[in-house]
């Protein structure tokens, strides 16, 4: 069984940074990703 988790690392007025991981039940890491998103408000 694979487990996907994600969390927000930092969130400010104009920028959001997050990470995601895919692991198995024993904790072995299969994938790791980060994302940086610019927040544009009207």
Protein backbone atom coordinates (compact mmCIF):
# COMPACT_ATOMS: atom_id res chain seq x y z
CA UNK A 1 0.00 0.00 0.00
CA UNK A 2 1.35 3.43 -0.94
CA UNK A 3 0.54 6.51 1.12
CA UNK A 4 0.51 10.03 -0.32
CA UNK A 5 0.90 12.99 2.03
CA UNK A 6 1.16 16.70 1.43
CA UNK A 7 1.66 19.78 3.54
CA UNK A 8 2.06 23.51 3.25
CA UNK A 9 5.60 24.58 4.11
CA UNK A 10 5.02 28.33 3.96
CA UNK A 11 2.08 30.52 3.03
CA UNK A 12 2.35 34.28 2.73
CA UNK A 13 0.26 36.97 1.09
CA UNK A 14 1.74 36.39 -2.39
CA UNK A 15 3.53 33.03 -2.25
CA UNK A 16 2.74 29.46 -1.24
CA UNK A 17 5.25 26.63 -0.86
CA UNK A 18 4.18 23.01 -0.41
CA UNK A 19 5.63 19.51 -0.47
CA UNK A 20 4.31 16.04 -1.19
CA UNK A 21 5.65 12.56 -0.45
CA UNK A 22 4.72 9.03 -1.47
CA UNK A 23 5.82 6.33 0.99
CA UNK A 24 4.92 2.74 1.77
CA UNK A 25 3.70 1.40 5.12
CA UNK A 26 7.29 0.88 6.28
CA UNK A 27 8.23 4.50 5.53
CA UNK A 28 10.29 3.86 2.38
CA UNK A 29 10.22 7.01 0.25
CA UNK A 30 9.20 6.51 -3.40
CA UNK A 31 8.62 10.11 -4.52
CA UNK A 32 9.16 13.62 -3.17
CA UNK A 33 8.09 16.89 -4.77
CA UNK A 34 7.86 20.56 -3.90
CA UNK A 35 5.82 23.32 -5.49
CA UNK A 36 6.06 27.09 -5.33
CA UNK A 37 2.94 29.00 -6.35
CA UNK A 38 2.43 32.71 -6.83
CA UNK A 39 -0.91 33.91 -5.42
CA UNK A 40 -2.52 36.59 -7.58
CA UNK A 41 -5.44 38.36 -5.97
CA UNK A 42 -7.89 40.60 -7.82
